[in-house]
Amino acid sequence: MVRLRLGDILQEKQITRQQLANQAGLRPSTVSDLCNRPVQRIYLSTIATLCETLDVSVSDLFVIEPAD
């Protein structure tokens, strides 16, 4: 299972969801969904925006976890 580490990264960098949404030009509800829900789909442009805004690599943003 692939997990998006967005919530973890925001906590590490001490950035709120609202701050990320403002800095990245994303809707606050989009950021919230990416932090709270299992992500089924995400646009490549959104991944690029998150990586650029948070100054992380794609490999920092995702982690592979064993399936339950």
N, C-alpha and C. Protein backbone atom coordinates (compact mmCIF):
# COMPACT_ATOMS: atom_id res chain seq x y z
N MET A 1 0.84 -1.17 0.00
CA MET A 1 0.00 0.00 0.00
C MET A 1 0.89 1.24 0.00
N VAL A 2 0.57 2.20 -0.81
CA VAL A 2 1.31 3.46 -0.88
C VAL A 2 0.58 4.48 -0.02
N ARG A 3 1.33 5.12 0.88
CA ARG A 3 0.73 6.12 1.78
C ARG A 3 1.37 7.47 1.51
N LEU A 4 0.54 8.48 1.43
CA LEU A 4 0.99 9.86 1.27
C LEU A 4 1.34 10.39 2.66
N ARG A 5 2.56 10.86 2.84
CA ARG A 5 3.06 11.33 4.13
C ARG A 5 2.83 12.82 4.35
N LEU A 6 1.87 13.41 3.71
CA LEU A 6 1.70 14.85 3.76
C LEU A 6 1.48 15.35 5.18
N GLY A 7 0.63 14.71 5.93
CA GLY A 7 0.39 15.13 7.32
C GLY A 7 1.65 15.08 8.16
N ASP A 8 2.44 14.03 7.98
CA ASP A 8 3.71 13.89 8.72
C ASP A 8 4.67 15.02 8.36
N ILE A 9 4.77 15.32 7.09
CA ILE A 9 5.70 16.36 6.62
C ILE A 9 5.27 17.73 7.14
N LEU A 10 3.97 18.00 7.12
CA LEU A 10 3.49 19.27 7.64
C LEU A 10 3.83 19.42 9.12
N GLN A 11 3.67 18.34 9.86
CA GLN A 11 3.99 18.36 11.28
C GLN A 11 5.50 18.59 11.49
N GLU A 12 6.33 17.88 10.73
CA GLU A 12 7.78 18.02 10.84
C GLU A 12 8.22 19.45 10.54
N LYS A 13 7.59 20.07 9.54
CA LYS A 13 7.98 21.41 9.11
C LYS A 13 7.20 22.51 9.84
N GLN A 14 6.31 22.09 10.73
CA GLN A 14 5.48 23.01 11.52
C GLN A 14 4.73 23.99 10.62
N ILE A 15 4.06 23.41 9.63
CA ILE A 15 3.24 24.17 8.69
C ILE A 15 1.80 23.67 8.83
N THR A 16 0.87 24.59 8.88
CA THR A 16 -0.53 24.18 8.96
C THR A 16 -1.06 23.84 7.57
N ARG A 17 -2.16 23.16 7.54
CA ARG A 17 -2.80 22.82 6.26
C ARG A 17 -3.20 24.09 5.51
N GLN A 18 -3.70 25.06 6.26
CA GLN A 18 -4.11 26.32 5.65
C GLN A 18 -2.91 27.06 5.05
N GLN A 19 -1.78 27.06 5.76
CA GLN A 19 -0.58 27.70 5.24
C GLN A 19 -0.12 27.02 3.95
N LEU A 20 -0.14 25.69 3.94
CA LEU A 20 0.25 24.96 2.74
C LEU A 20 -0.68 25.30 1.59
N ALA A 21 -1.97 25.30 1.85
CA ALA A 21 -2.94 25.61 0.79
C ALA A 21 -2.66 26.99 0.21
N ASN A 22 -2.41 27.97 1.07
CA ASN A 22 -2.12 29.33 0.59
C ASN A 22 -0.83 29.38 -0.21
N GLN A 23 0.23 28.76 0.29
CA GLN A 23 1.53 28.80 -0.36
C GLN A 23 1.53 28.04 -1.69
N ALA A 24 0.80 26.93 -1.73
CA ALA A 24 0.80 26.07 -2.91
C ALA A 24 -0.27 26.44 -3.92
N GLY A 25 -1.21 27.30 -3.54
CA GLY A 25 -2.30 27.64 -4.43
C GLY A 25 -3.30 26.51 -4.60
N LEU A 26 -3.45 25.71 -3.54
CA LEU A 26 -4.41 24.60 -3.55
C LEU A 26 -5.60 24.95 -2.68
N ARG A 27 -6.72 24.32 -2.94
CA ARG A 27 -7.89 24.53 -2.10
C ARG A 27 -7.63 23.90 -0.73
N PRO A 28 -8.04 24.56 0.36
CA PRO A 28 -7.86 23.97 1.69
C PRO A 28 -8.50 22.58 1.81
N SER A 29 -9.64 22.37 1.15
CA SER A 29 -10.29 21.06 1.21
C SER A 29 -9.45 19.99 0.52
N THR A 30 -8.72 20.36 -0.51
CA THR A 30 -7.84 19.41 -1.20
C THR A 30 -6.72 18.98 -0.26
N VAL A 31 -6.10 19.94 0.41
CA VAL A 31 -5.02 19.63 1.35
C VAL A 31 -5.55 18.75 2.48
N SER A 32 -6.71 19.10 3.00
CA SER A 32 -7.31 18.33 4.08
C SER A 32 -7.59 16.89 3.64
N ASP A 33 -8.15 16.72 2.45
CA ASP A 33 -8.42 15.38 1.93
C ASP A 33 -7.14 14.57 1.79
N LEU A 34 -6.08 15.21 1.32
CA LEU A 34 -4.82 14.51 1.13
C LEU A 34 -4.19 14.11 2.46
N CYS A 35 -4.49 14.84 3.51
CA CYS A 35 -3.96 14.52 4.84
C CYS A 35 -4.80 13.47 5.56
N ASN A 36 -6.10 13.46 5.32
CA ASN A 36 -7.01 12.64 6.12
C ASN A 36 -7.43 11.31 5.51
N ARG A 37 -7.60 11.30 4.23
CA ARG A 37 -8.20 10.13 3.59
C ARG A 37 -7.15 9.29 2.89
N PRO A 38 -7.43 7.99 2.77
CA PRO A 38 -6.56 7.21 1.89
C PRO A 38 -6.69 7.77 0.47
N VAL A 39 -5.58 8.10 -0.13
CA VAL A 39 -5.58 8.74 -1.44
C VAL A 39 -5.68 7.67 -2.52
N GLN A 40 -6.69 7.79 -3.36
CA GLN A 40 -6.86 6.85 -4.47
C GLN A 40 -6.23 7.39 -5.73
N ARG A 41 -6.33 8.72 -5.92
CA ARG A 41 -5.77 9.38 -7.10
C ARG A 41 -5.21 10.72 -6.70
N ILE A 42 -4.12 11.09 -7.37
CA ILE A 42 -3.55 12.41 -7.17
C ILE A 42 -2.91 12.83 -8.49
N TYR A 43 -3.15 14.05 -8.89
CA TYR A 43 -2.59 14.55 -10.14
C TYR A 43 -1.08 14.73 -10.01
N LEU A 44 -0.36 14.46 -11.08
CA LEU A 44 1.08 14.68 -11.08
C LEU A 44 1.41 16.14 -10.82
N SER A 45 0.59 17.03 -11.32
CA SER A 45 0.83 18.46 -11.08
C SER A 45 0.70 18.80 -9.59
N THR A 46 -0.21 18.12 -8.90
CA THR A 46 -0.36 18.35 -7.46
C THR A 46 0.86 17.82 -6.71
N ILE A 47 1.36 16.67 -7.12
CA ILE A 47 2.58 16.12 -6.51
C ILE A 47 3.74 17.09 -6.70
N ALA A 48 3.88 17.60 -7.92
CA ALA A 48 4.97 18.55 -8.21
C ALA A 48 4.82 19.82 -7.37
N THR A 49 3.61 20.32 -7.24
CA THR A 49 3.37 21.53 -6.45
C THR A 49 3.70 21.29 -4.98
N LEU A 50 3.28 20.14 -4.44
CA LEU A 50 3.58 19.82 -3.05
C LEU A 50 5.08 19.70 -2.82
N CYS A 51 5.76 19.01 -3.71
CA CYS A 51 7.21 18.83 -3.57
C CYS A 51 7.94 20.18 -3.63
N GLU A 52 7.54 21.01 -4.56
CA GLU A 52 8.19 22.32 -4.71
C GLU A 52 7.90 23.22 -3.51
N THR A 53 6.66 23.26 -3.08
CA THR A 53 6.27 24.13 -1.97
C THR A 53 6.92 23.68 -0.66
N LEU A 54 6.96 22.37 -0.42
CA LEU A 54 7.50 21.85 0.83
C LEU A 54 9.00 21.57 0.77
N ASP A 55 9.59 21.72 -0.42
CA ASP A 55 11.01 21.45 -0.62
C ASP A 55 11.36 20.01 -0.21
N VAL A 56 10.59 19.08 -0.75
CA VAL A 56 10.82 17.65 -0.52
C VAL A 56 10.84 16.94 -1.87
N SER A 57 11.37 15.73 -1.87
CA SER A 57 11.36 14.93 -3.09
C SER A 57 10.12 14.05 -3.11
N VAL A 58 9.84 13.49 -4.25
CA VAL A 58 8.70 12.58 -4.38
C VAL A 58 8.87 11.40 -3.42
N SER A 59 10.08 10.91 -3.27
CA SER A 59 10.32 9.77 -2.37
C SER A 59 10.09 10.15 -0.91
N ASP A 60 10.19 11.43 -0.57
CA ASP A 60 9.87 11.88 0.80
C ASP A 60 8.36 11.92 1.01
N LEU A 61 7.64 12.16 -0.03
CA LEU A 61 6.20 12.37 0.05
C LEU A 61 5.41 11.07 0.16
N PHE A 62 5.96 9.99 -0.36
CA PHE A 62 5.26 8.70 -0.36
C PHE A 62 6.06 7.64 0.36
N VAL A 63 5.37 6.71 0.98
CA VAL A 63 6.01 5.56 1.60
C VAL A 63 5.20 4.32 1.25
N ILE A 64 5.88 3.22 1.03
CA ILE A 64 5.21 1.96 0.76
C ILE A 64 5.13 1.16 2.05
N GLU A 65 3.91 0.78 2.41
CA GLU A 65 3.68 0.02 3.64
C GLU A 65 3.06 -1.32 3.27
N PRO A 66 3.32 -2.32 4.10
CA PRO A 66 2.73 -3.63 3.81
C PRO A 66 1.20 -3.58 3.88
N ALA A 67 0.55 -4.33 3.03
CA ALA A 67 -0.92 -4.40 3.05
C ALA A 67 -1.37 -5.15 4.28
N ASP A 68 -2.53 -4.76 4.80
CA ASP A 68 -3.08 -5.44 5.99
C ASP A 68 -3.57 -6.81 5.68
